[in-house]
Protein backbone atom coordinates (compact mmCIF):
# COMPACT_ATOMS: atom_id res chain seq x y z
CA MET A 1 1.52 17.02 -27.77
CA THR A 2 4.56 15.07 -27.67
CA HIS A 3 8.29 15.74 -26.80
CA GLN A 4 11.22 14.83 -28.87
CA VAL A 5 14.22 14.09 -26.64
CA ARG A 6 17.61 12.32 -26.73
CA ALA A 7 17.74 8.84 -24.94
CA VAL A 8 19.70 5.60 -24.64
CA VAL A 9 18.40 2.60 -26.35
CA ALA A 10 19.18 -0.59 -26.14
CA ARG A 11 18.08 -2.34 -29.60
CA GLY A 12 19.31 -6.00 -29.33
CA LYS A 13 20.76 -8.54 -26.85
CA GLY A 14 24.23 -7.73 -26.08
CA ALA A 15 24.51 -4.83 -28.69
CA PRO A 16 26.04 -1.62 -27.67
CA VAL A 17 23.47 0.86 -26.55
CA SER A 18 22.88 3.96 -28.84
CA LEU A 19 21.93 7.53 -28.24
CA GLU A 20 18.76 8.27 -30.25
CA THR A 21 15.79 10.47 -30.44
CA ILE A 22 12.55 9.15 -28.69
CA VAL A 23 9.07 10.66 -28.59
CA VAL A 24 7.53 11.14 -25.28
CA PRO A 25 3.74 11.89 -24.85
CA ASP A 26 2.49 14.34 -22.42
CA PRO A 27 1.03 12.83 -19.31
CA GLY A 28 -2.46 11.27 -19.44
CA PRO A 29 -4.57 10.55 -16.26
CA GLY A 30 -2.40 9.45 -13.34
CA GLU A 31 0.88 10.08 -15.18
CA ALA A 32 3.87 12.66 -14.81
CA LEU A 33 6.46 14.00 -17.15
CA VAL A 34 9.62 14.38 -15.68
CA LYS A 35 12.68 16.47 -16.82
CA VAL A 36 15.76 13.87 -15.76
CA GLU A 37 18.72 15.60 -14.07
CA ALA A 38 20.51 12.72 -13.05
CA CYS A 39 20.52 8.77 -13.55
CA GLY A 40 22.75 6.10 -12.08
CA VAL A 41 24.13 3.40 -14.16
CA CYS A 42 22.80 0.43 -12.57
CA HIS A 43 23.81 -3.37 -12.80
CA THR A 44 20.39 -3.98 -13.97
CA ASP A 45 20.49 -1.69 -16.74
CA LEU A 46 23.21 -4.05 -17.99
CA HIS A 47 20.86 -6.85 -17.34
CA TYR A 48 18.35 -5.46 -19.50
CA ARG A 49 20.93 -4.74 -22.54
CA GLU A 50 22.09 -8.38 -22.16
CA GLY A 51 18.71 -9.71 -22.23
CA GLY A 52 18.92 -11.15 -18.71
CA VAL A 53 15.50 -9.77 -17.72
CA ASN A 54 13.16 -10.49 -21.03
CA ASP A 55 13.72 -9.91 -24.73
CA ASP A 56 11.12 -7.31 -25.11
CA PHE A 57 13.65 -5.13 -27.22
CA PRO A 58 14.23 -2.02 -27.78
CA PHE A 59 14.65 -1.10 -24.13
CA LEU A 60 14.62 2.49 -22.80
CA LEU A 61 17.56 2.06 -20.11
CA GLY A 62 17.79 3.96 -16.91
CA HIS A 63 16.18 3.81 -13.55
CA GLU A 64 17.83 5.40 -10.59
CA ALA A 65 17.05 8.93 -11.30
CA ALA A 66 15.97 12.36 -9.90
CA GLY A 67 14.66 15.22 -11.78
CA VAL A 68 11.99 17.65 -11.83
CA VAL A 69 8.11 17.38 -12.71
CA GLU A 70 7.41 19.36 -15.68
CA ALA A 71 3.74 18.23 -16.27
CA VAL A 72 1.08 16.13 -14.65
CA GLY A 73 -2.15 14.50 -15.90
CA GLU A 74 -5.39 14.38 -14.82
CA GLY A 75 -6.17 13.19 -11.12
CA VAL A 76 -2.36 13.72 -10.11
CA THR A 77 -2.48 15.22 -6.67
CA ASP A 78 0.77 14.04 -4.78
CA VAL A 79 3.22 16.04 -6.99
CA ALA A 80 2.87 18.83 -9.08
CA PRO A 81 5.21 20.91 -11.77
CA GLY A 82 8.39 22.16 -10.15
CA ASP A 83 8.53 19.42 -7.76
CA PHE A 84 11.87 17.89 -7.39
CA VAL A 85 11.55 13.95 -7.24
CA ILE A 86 13.38 10.87 -7.12
CA LEU A 87 11.78 8.10 -9.35
CA ASN A 88 10.91 4.84 -8.20
CA TRP A 89 9.98 1.40 -9.91
CA ARG A 90 7.56 0.33 -7.12
CA ALA A 91 4.50 2.90 -7.29
CA VAL A 92 2.12 1.24 -4.57
CA CYS A 93 -1.70 0.64 -5.80
CA GLY A 94 -3.08 1.03 -2.32
CA GLN A 95 -5.64 -1.65 -3.30
CA CYS A 96 -4.04 -5.30 -3.31
CA ARG A 97 -4.01 -7.48 -0.44
CA ALA A 98 -0.55 -6.36 0.82
CA CYS A 99 -1.64 -2.65 0.50
CA GLN A 100 -4.95 -3.48 2.43
CA ARG A 101 -2.91 -5.35 5.10
CA GLY A 102 -1.19 -2.43 5.86
CA ARG A 103 2.24 -3.63 4.17
CA PRO A 104 2.46 -1.52 0.94
CA TRP A 105 6.46 -2.12 0.61
CA TYR A 106 5.07 -5.70 -0.64
CA CYS A 107 2.56 -4.13 -2.99
CA PHE A 108 1.75 -6.79 -5.44
CA ASP A 109 0.18 -4.52 -8.08
CA THR A 110 2.59 -1.76 -8.65
CA HIS A 111 1.88 0.21 -11.66
CA ASN A 112 3.67 2.26 -14.40
CA ALA A 113 2.70 4.81 -17.07
CA LYS A 114 -0.23 3.50 -19.49
CA GLN A 115 0.97 5.39 -22.46
CA ARG A 116 4.20 4.26 -24.45
CA MET A 117 7.22 6.31 -25.20
CA THR A 118 8.42 5.15 -28.84
CA LEU A 119 11.28 5.60 -31.40
CA THR A 120 10.56 8.38 -34.12
CA ASP A 121 9.34 5.71 -36.36
CA GLY A 122 6.45 4.84 -33.83
CA THR A 123 8.01 1.60 -32.44
CA ASP A 124 7.08 1.14 -28.73
CA LEU A 125 10.01 1.39 -26.10
CA SER A 126 10.22 -0.79 -22.93
CA PRO A 127 11.33 1.28 -20.08
CA ALA A 128 13.76 -0.22 -17.75
CA LEU A 129 11.72 -1.18 -14.64
CA GLY A 130 8.84 0.98 -15.96
CA ILE A 131 11.00 4.28 -15.71
CA GLY A 132 13.35 4.60 -18.48
CA ALA A 133 15.62 7.77 -17.62
CA PHE A 134 18.43 7.75 -19.81
CA ALA A 135 16.64 10.44 -21.38
CA GLU A 136 16.23 14.14 -21.22
CA LYS A 137 12.63 13.43 -20.21
CA THR A 138 10.55 10.48 -19.38
CA LEU A 139 6.90 9.67 -18.62
CA VAL A 140 6.02 7.95 -15.42
CA ALA A 141 2.96 6.91 -13.10
CA ALA A 142 2.64 9.80 -10.88
CA GLY A 143 3.13 7.43 -7.88
CA GLN A 144 6.57 6.57 -9.19
CA CYS A 145 7.69 10.26 -8.32
CA THR A 146 8.56 10.80 -4.68
CA LYS A 147 9.00 14.77 -3.59
CA VAL A 148 12.02 15.39 -1.70
CA ASP A 149 14.02 18.45 -0.66
CA ARG A 150 15.47 20.22 -3.72
CA ALA A 151 18.72 21.11 -1.76
CA ALA A 152 19.85 17.64 -2.46
CA SER A 153 22.21 16.79 -5.42
CA ALA A 154 20.50 15.35 -8.30
CA ALA A 155 23.18 12.69 -8.84
CA ALA A 156 23.26 11.60 -5.09
CA ALA A 157 19.64 11.64 -4.49
CA GLY A 158 18.63 9.45 -7.64
CA LEU A 159 20.72 6.64 -6.36
CA LEU A 160 18.15 6.10 -3.64
CA GLY A 161 15.73 5.09 -6.55
CA CYS A 162 17.44 1.42 -6.83
CA GLY A 163 20.78 0.48 -5.30
CA VAL A 164 21.48 2.43 -2.60
CA MET A 165 17.84 2.23 -1.20
CA ALA A 166 17.87 -1.54 -1.97
CA GLY A 167 21.35 -1.99 0.28
CA ILE A 168 20.14 0.53 2.89
CA GLY A 169 16.82 -1.27 3.17
CA ALA A 170 17.97 -4.75 3.28
CA ALA A 171 19.70 -3.79 6.47
CA ILE A 172 17.28 -1.35 8.05
CA ASN A 173 13.90 -2.71 6.80
CA THR A 174 14.27 -6.42 6.06
CA GLY A 175 17.06 -7.66 8.23
CA ARG A 176 15.93 -5.28 11.28
CA VAL A 177 19.59 -4.72 12.22
CA GLY A 178 19.48 -3.12 15.72
CA ARG A 179 21.80 -1.26 18.13
CA GLY A 180 24.77 -3.70 19.26
CA ASP A 181 24.08 -6.09 16.57
CA THR A 182 27.01 -7.91 14.42
CA VAL A 183 26.39 -7.78 10.68
CA ALA A 184 28.26 -9.31 7.95
CA VAL A 185 27.82 -8.06 4.41
CA ILE A 186 28.85 -10.40 1.54
CA GLY A 187 29.78 -8.73 -1.91
CA CYS A 188 30.67 -5.07 -1.44
CA GLY A 189 29.44 -3.27 -4.70
CA GLY A 190 27.22 -0.60 -4.61
CA VAL A 191 24.27 -2.43 -2.89
CA GLY A 192 26.64 -4.27 -0.47
CA ASP A 193 28.17 -1.10 0.68
CA ALA A 194 24.92 0.49 1.06
CA ALA A 195 24.16 -2.10 3.47
CA VAL A 196 27.12 -1.33 5.14
CA VAL A 197 25.96 2.15 5.48
CA GLY A 198 22.58 1.13 6.76
CA SER A 199 23.87 -1.10 9.36
CA ASN A 200 25.90 1.57 10.52
CA LEU A 201 22.92 4.09 10.59
CA ALA A 202 20.92 1.51 12.60
CA GLY A 203 23.82 1.31 15.39
CA ALA A 204 25.51 -1.98 14.52
CA ALA A 205 28.17 -2.80 16.85
CA ARG A 206 30.22 -4.69 14.35
CA ILE A 207 30.26 -4.63 10.61
CA ILE A 208 32.33 -7.15 8.77
CA ALA A 209 32.60 -6.55 4.95
CA VAL A 210 33.46 -9.79 2.74
CA ASP A 211 34.62 -9.54 -0.80
CA ILE A 212 37.22 -10.84 -3.13
CA ASP A 213 38.66 -7.24 -4.19
CA ASP A 214 40.46 -5.33 -1.99
CA ARG A 215 39.72 -2.20 -3.43
CA LYS A 216 36.12 -2.68 -2.59
CA LEU A 217 36.90 -3.83 0.92
CA GLU A 218 38.87 -0.50 1.56
CA THR A 219 35.75 1.38 0.46
CA ALA A 220 33.48 -0.58 2.66
CA ARG A 221 35.80 0.22 5.60
CA LYS A 222 35.48 3.85 4.38
CA LEU A 223 31.84 3.79 4.69
CA GLY A 224 31.66 2.38 7.99
CA ALA A 225 32.69 -1.35 7.98
CA THR A 226 34.67 -2.02 11.00
CA HIS A 227 36.48 -5.39 9.79
CA THR A 228 37.09 -6.85 6.25
CA VAL A 229 37.70 -10.21 4.96
CA ASN A 230 39.11 -11.12 1.74
CA SER A 231 37.24 -14.43 0.87
CA LYS A 232 39.94 -15.28 -1.82
CA GLU A 233 42.49 -15.28 0.87
CA SER A 234 40.67 -16.94 3.78
CA ASP A 235 37.26 -19.04 4.52
CA PRO A 236 34.67 -16.21 5.15
CA VAL A 237 32.69 -18.23 7.14
CA GLU A 238 35.61 -19.00 9.70
CA ALA A 239 36.52 -15.49 9.80
CA ILE A 240 33.25 -14.01 10.52
CA ARG A 241 32.78 -16.50 13.19
CA ASP A 242 36.54 -15.49 14.52
CA LEU A 243 35.32 -11.89 14.54
CA THR A 244 32.28 -12.65 16.35
CA GLY A 245 33.43 -14.58 19.46
CA GLY A 246 32.97 -18.05 17.55
CA PHE A 247 29.22 -17.48 16.96
CA GLY A 248 28.46 -16.01 13.78
CA ALA A 249 26.61 -12.79 12.90
CA ASP A 250 23.29 -11.71 14.17
CA VAL A 251 22.42 -10.61 10.43
CA VAL A 252 24.40 -11.79 7.30
CA ILE A 253 23.30 -9.78 4.00
CA GLU A 254 24.17 -11.62 0.66
CA ALA A 255 24.62 -8.80 -1.93
CA VAL A 256 26.06 -11.19 -4.67
CA GLY A 257 23.06 -13.58 -5.62
CA ARG A 258 25.10 -16.62 -6.21
CA PRO A 259 24.33 -19.94 -4.44
CA GLU A 260 28.07 -20.40 -3.03
CA THR A 261 27.89 -17.09 -1.48
CA TYR A 262 24.49 -17.81 -0.07
CA ARG A 263 25.65 -20.87 1.62
CA GLN A 264 28.06 -18.88 3.29
CA ALA A 265 25.78 -16.50 4.62
CA PHE A 266 23.83 -19.23 5.79
CA TYR A 267 26.79 -20.79 7.93
CA ALA A 268 28.21 -17.51 8.89
CA ARG A 269 25.30 -16.23 11.17
CA ASP A 270 24.53 -17.06 14.52
CA LEU A 271 21.81 -19.54 15.88
CA ALA A 272 18.47 -17.72 15.33
CA GLY A 273 20.51 -15.18 13.27
CA THR A 274 18.99 -13.73 9.99
CA VAL A 275 20.09 -14.04 6.40
CA VAL A 276 19.10 -11.39 3.98
CA LEU A 277 19.46 -12.17 0.18
CA VAL A 278 19.49 -8.81 -1.77
CA GLY A 279 21.86 -9.81 -4.72
CA VAL A 280 19.64 -10.97 -7.66
CA PRO A 281 20.35 -14.41 -9.12
CA THR A 282 19.77 -15.57 -12.55
CA PRO A 283 17.03 -17.92 -13.47
CA GLU A 284 19.25 -20.96 -13.71
CA MET A 285 20.64 -21.02 -10.35
CA LYS A 286 19.67 -23.68 -7.95
CA LEU A 287 20.48 -24.02 -3.91
CA GLU A 288 20.67 -27.05 -1.98
CA LEU A 289 21.04 -26.93 1.81
CA PRO A 290 20.53 -29.90 4.34
CA LEU A 291 16.76 -29.35 5.56
CA LEU A 292 17.89 -30.50 9.06
CA ASP A 293 20.24 -27.50 9.23
CA VAL A 294 17.55 -24.93 7.96
CA PHE A 295 15.40 -26.35 10.77
CA GLY A 296 18.36 -26.62 13.54
CA ARG A 297 19.75 -23.22 13.09
CA GLY A 298 16.58 -21.43 13.57
CA GLY A 299 16.28 -17.64 12.64
CA ALA A 300 15.10 -16.48 9.60
CA LEU A 301 15.91 -16.65 5.77
CA LYS A 302 14.58 -13.49 3.85
CA SER A 303 14.66 -11.84 0.73
CA SER A 304 14.73 -8.07 0.12
CA TRP A 305 12.74 -6.64 -2.37
CA TYR A 306 14.12 -3.12 -3.33
CA GLY A 307 15.06 -2.86 0.52
CA ASP A 308 11.53 -3.43 1.58
CA CYS A 309 11.24 0.46 0.94
CA LEU A 310 8.13 2.42 1.04
CA PRO A 311 9.34 5.31 -1.26
CA SER A 312 7.09 7.96 0.47
CA ARG A 313 8.47 7.04 3.73
CA ASP A 314 12.13 6.31 3.30
CA PHE A 315 13.26 8.57 0.31
CA PRO A 316 12.49 11.95 2.23
CA MET A 317 13.72 10.61 5.55
CA LEU A 318 17.22 9.66 3.96
CA ILE A 319 17.55 12.66 2.03
CA ASP A 320 16.97 14.77 5.24
CA LEU A 321 19.96 12.58 6.86
CA TYR A 322 22.15 13.41 3.73
CA LEU A 323 21.46 16.90 4.27
CA GLN A 324 22.11 16.85 7.68
CA GLY A 325 25.67 15.06 6.80
CA ARG A 326 24.86 11.73 8.48
CA LEU A 327 24.47 9.83 5.37
CA ASN A 328 27.11 10.19 2.66
CA LEU A 329 25.38 9.56 -0.57
CA ASP A 330 27.96 11.51 -2.44
CA ALA A 331 30.42 8.70 -1.67
CA PHE A 332 28.61 6.61 -3.90
CA VAL A 333 29.01 8.74 -7.04
CA THR A 334 32.36 7.61 -8.64
CA GLU A 335 31.99 9.72 -11.66
CA THR A 336 29.67 12.08 -13.57
CA ILE A 337 29.26 11.23 -17.22
CA ALA A 338 27.13 12.45 -20.36
CA LEU A 339 24.06 10.38 -22.09
CA ASP A 340 26.63 8.92 -24.75
CA GLU A 341 28.92 7.72 -22.17
CA VAL A 342 26.81 5.10 -20.73
CA GLU A 343 28.30 2.15 -22.93
CA LYS A 344 31.49 3.04 -21.43
CA ALA A 345 30.12 3.14 -18.11
CA PHE A 346 29.20 -0.49 -18.61
CA GLU A 347 32.82 -1.41 -19.44
CA ARG A 348 33.96 0.17 -15.95
CA MET A 349 31.06 -1.39 -13.90
CA HIS A 350 32.20 -4.81 -15.67
CA HIS A 351 35.97 -4.20 -14.16
CA GLY A 352 34.62 -3.27 -10.97
CA ASP A 353 36.38 0.46 -11.21
CA VAL A 354 33.23 2.21 -10.22
CA LEU A 355 30.53 2.49 -7.52
CA ARG A 356 28.39 4.30 -9.55
CA SER A 357 28.64 6.14 -12.72
CA VAL A 358 26.00 9.05 -12.85
CA VAL A 359 24.56 10.42 -16.15
CA VAL A 360 24.11 14.18 -15.36
CA LEU A 361 21.85 15.81 -17.99
């Protein structure tokens, strides 16, 4: 059996997305069919549309999603029809060398659904990050479904599927921010603001938000930043040092993904401090640092993949904090939109007008 549903498709590099009918098969072994309730519009979706990830068009966009499992295939035991789930794009295999060493958040063989969703003419679709959730229904590997409390808002919960988890995890999991630490976050979009929230949850004493947009800095302050720096108006390295007794921050989270902001992060940390790169660079970018400075400053230079999260561990815990009123996921939802408004949401994202537009179905 197959299902014909409406979905947002990117057919060519840079071309506007279109709302089309697609065909979704019933789940096979190890797969789950999910009725999507909400899906955030992430910058990665725009990268796909622009051909910045690969050229495997047409793409079925959308990946920051929550919904209800409608059916499961043979051998699926972790989720069942009726479960409210957040979708993730790192379904761990349990067998690779990272999983076998007890580090499944580094899984080197994550998997997706084996069957392909298609256009009505039979053309295979490439689901963004193996999910493709700008659709009324989507087919995923069952391991991409993490069951959470149904009391959570789908619009808020789905954001843990990518950007918010990436930022929170960059602070808590990768950066290991601890009580009393000083933290600087460079770049205050959705991921950077989530890093501010994560640092606050971890008990950081001082959280310095850095951006070139005063609107974004004000939002970061509302989400827990204790200080803000407009790096158009002052040198962010000097400003961070001034705010940390001349030493630099214990942890600096770079949420932009550019060589110049990475250099700022590198020099804005304290001796033996940690730099966490969670901003995603483009393939042509190069970084040059004096090797003596890398050696002499000590500490750690880390990259954060998906906030080094383990969905089965982190999603339910963060949803519990949300339902207790200790994690304000709703603050990341700037607006809710319909499926046919995704292209307009990309434009608002480009102008920095939103933290997240969320498609609600």
